């Protein structure tokens, strides 16, 4: 149920980043305070997003419902310049 699971330190070819989350939160007029206190998103989840760590697909779904948005408005897949396709 985890979005990204880094299996080892060599698995850094691809990344999911939360840059769109911050933009969407601002555009929707929400704050981390309202996410925590109005919508019940845990402060640990916000901290994990800040640090670029894994969150569950359930939390991703919750955020999409809160913001009335698509998953790509929360996360972005960034392809490493070192990856070979």
Protein backbone atom coordinates (compact mmCIF):
# COMPACT_ATOMS: atom_id res chain seq x y z
CA UNK A 1 0.00 0.00 0.00
CA UNK A 2 3.06 2.22 -0.03
CA UNK A 3 3.54 4.52 -3.01
CA UNK A 4 7.31 4.30 -3.20
CA UNK A 5 9.42 1.70 -1.49
CA UNK A 6 13.15 2.26 -1.79
CA UNK A 7 14.58 -1.24 -1.63
CA UNK A 8 18.21 -0.24 -1.37
CA UNK A 9 20.49 2.73 -1.84
CA UNK A 10 21.12 1.77 -5.48
CA UNK A 11 17.47 2.32 -6.34
CA UNK A 12 17.58 6.02 -6.99
CA UNK A 13 16.91 6.02 -10.72
CA UNK A 14 13.35 7.25 -10.25
CA UNK A 15 11.71 9.34 -7.62
CA UNK A 16 8.33 10.57 -6.62
CA UNK A 17 8.34 14.13 -5.31
CA UNK A 18 5.63 16.14 -3.58
CA UNK A 19 6.21 19.52 -5.23
CA UNK A 20 2.66 19.55 -6.68
CA UNK A 21 1.22 18.93 -3.20
CA UNK A 22 2.49 22.28 -1.91
CA UNK A 23 1.24 24.11 -5.01
CA UNK A 24 -2.18 22.44 -4.83
CA UNK A 25 -2.51 23.09 -1.10
CA UNK A 26 -1.82 26.78 -1.66
CA UNK A 27 -4.14 27.01 -4.68
CA UNK A 28 -6.97 25.40 -2.68
CA UNK A 29 -6.46 27.82 0.20
CA UNK A 30 -5.55 25.12 2.69
CA UNK A 31 -2.64 24.87 5.12
CA UNK A 32 -0.94 22.09 6.99
CA UNK A 33 -2.86 23.33 10.05
CA UNK A 34 -6.24 22.80 8.36
CA UNK A 35 -5.16 19.43 6.96
CA UNK A 36 -4.29 18.28 10.45
CA UNK A 37 -7.06 19.91 12.50
CA UNK A 38 -9.98 20.09 10.05
CA UNK A 39 -9.41 16.97 7.95
CA UNK A 40 -7.57 14.68 10.37
CA UNK A 41 -4.42 14.20 8.33
CA UNK A 42 -1.70 13.18 10.79
CA UNK A 43 1.21 15.49 11.45
CA UNK A 44 3.43 12.48 10.74
CA UNK A 45 2.03 12.33 7.22
CA UNK A 46 2.77 16.01 6.67
CA UNK A 47 6.27 15.45 8.02
CA UNK A 48 6.81 12.51 5.65
CA UNK A 49 5.69 14.67 2.71
CA UNK A 50 8.07 17.44 3.81
CA UNK A 51 10.92 14.96 3.89
CA UNK A 52 9.96 13.34 0.57
CA UNK A 53 9.30 10.01 2.25
CA UNK A 54 6.72 7.33 1.50
CA UNK A 55 3.04 7.81 2.23
CA UNK A 56 0.32 5.23 1.81
CA UNK A 57 -2.01 5.16 -1.15
CA UNK A 58 -4.85 5.67 1.37
CA UNK A 59 -3.31 9.00 2.45
CA UNK A 60 -2.83 9.94 -1.18
CA UNK A 61 -6.50 9.13 -1.80
CA UNK A 62 -7.51 11.19 1.26
CA UNK A 63 -5.55 14.21 0.00
CA UNK A 64 -7.12 13.91 -3.47
CA UNK A 65 -10.58 13.91 -1.88
CA UNK A 66 -9.77 16.89 0.34
CA UNK A 67 -8.37 18.93 -2.54
CA UNK A 68 -10.84 17.57 -5.14
CA UNK A 69 -7.91 16.85 -7.42
CA UNK A 70 -6.04 14.15 -9.33
CA UNK A 71 -3.07 12.21 -7.99
CA UNK A 72 -0.74 14.18 -10.27
CA UNK A 73 -1.78 17.30 -8.36
CA UNK A 74 -0.16 15.72 -5.27
CA UNK A 75 2.85 13.79 -6.55
CA UNK A 76 5.19 13.94 -9.51
CA UNK A 77 7.37 11.19 -10.92
CA UNK A 78 10.83 12.56 -11.67
CA UNK A 79 13.01 10.57 -13.99
CA UNK A 80 16.69 10.65 -13.06
CA UNK A 81 19.03 11.93 -15.78
CA UNK A 82 21.15 8.82 -15.18
CA UNK A 83 18.37 6.35 -15.97
CA UNK A 84 18.44 4.38 -19.20
CA UNK A 85 15.22 3.45 -20.97
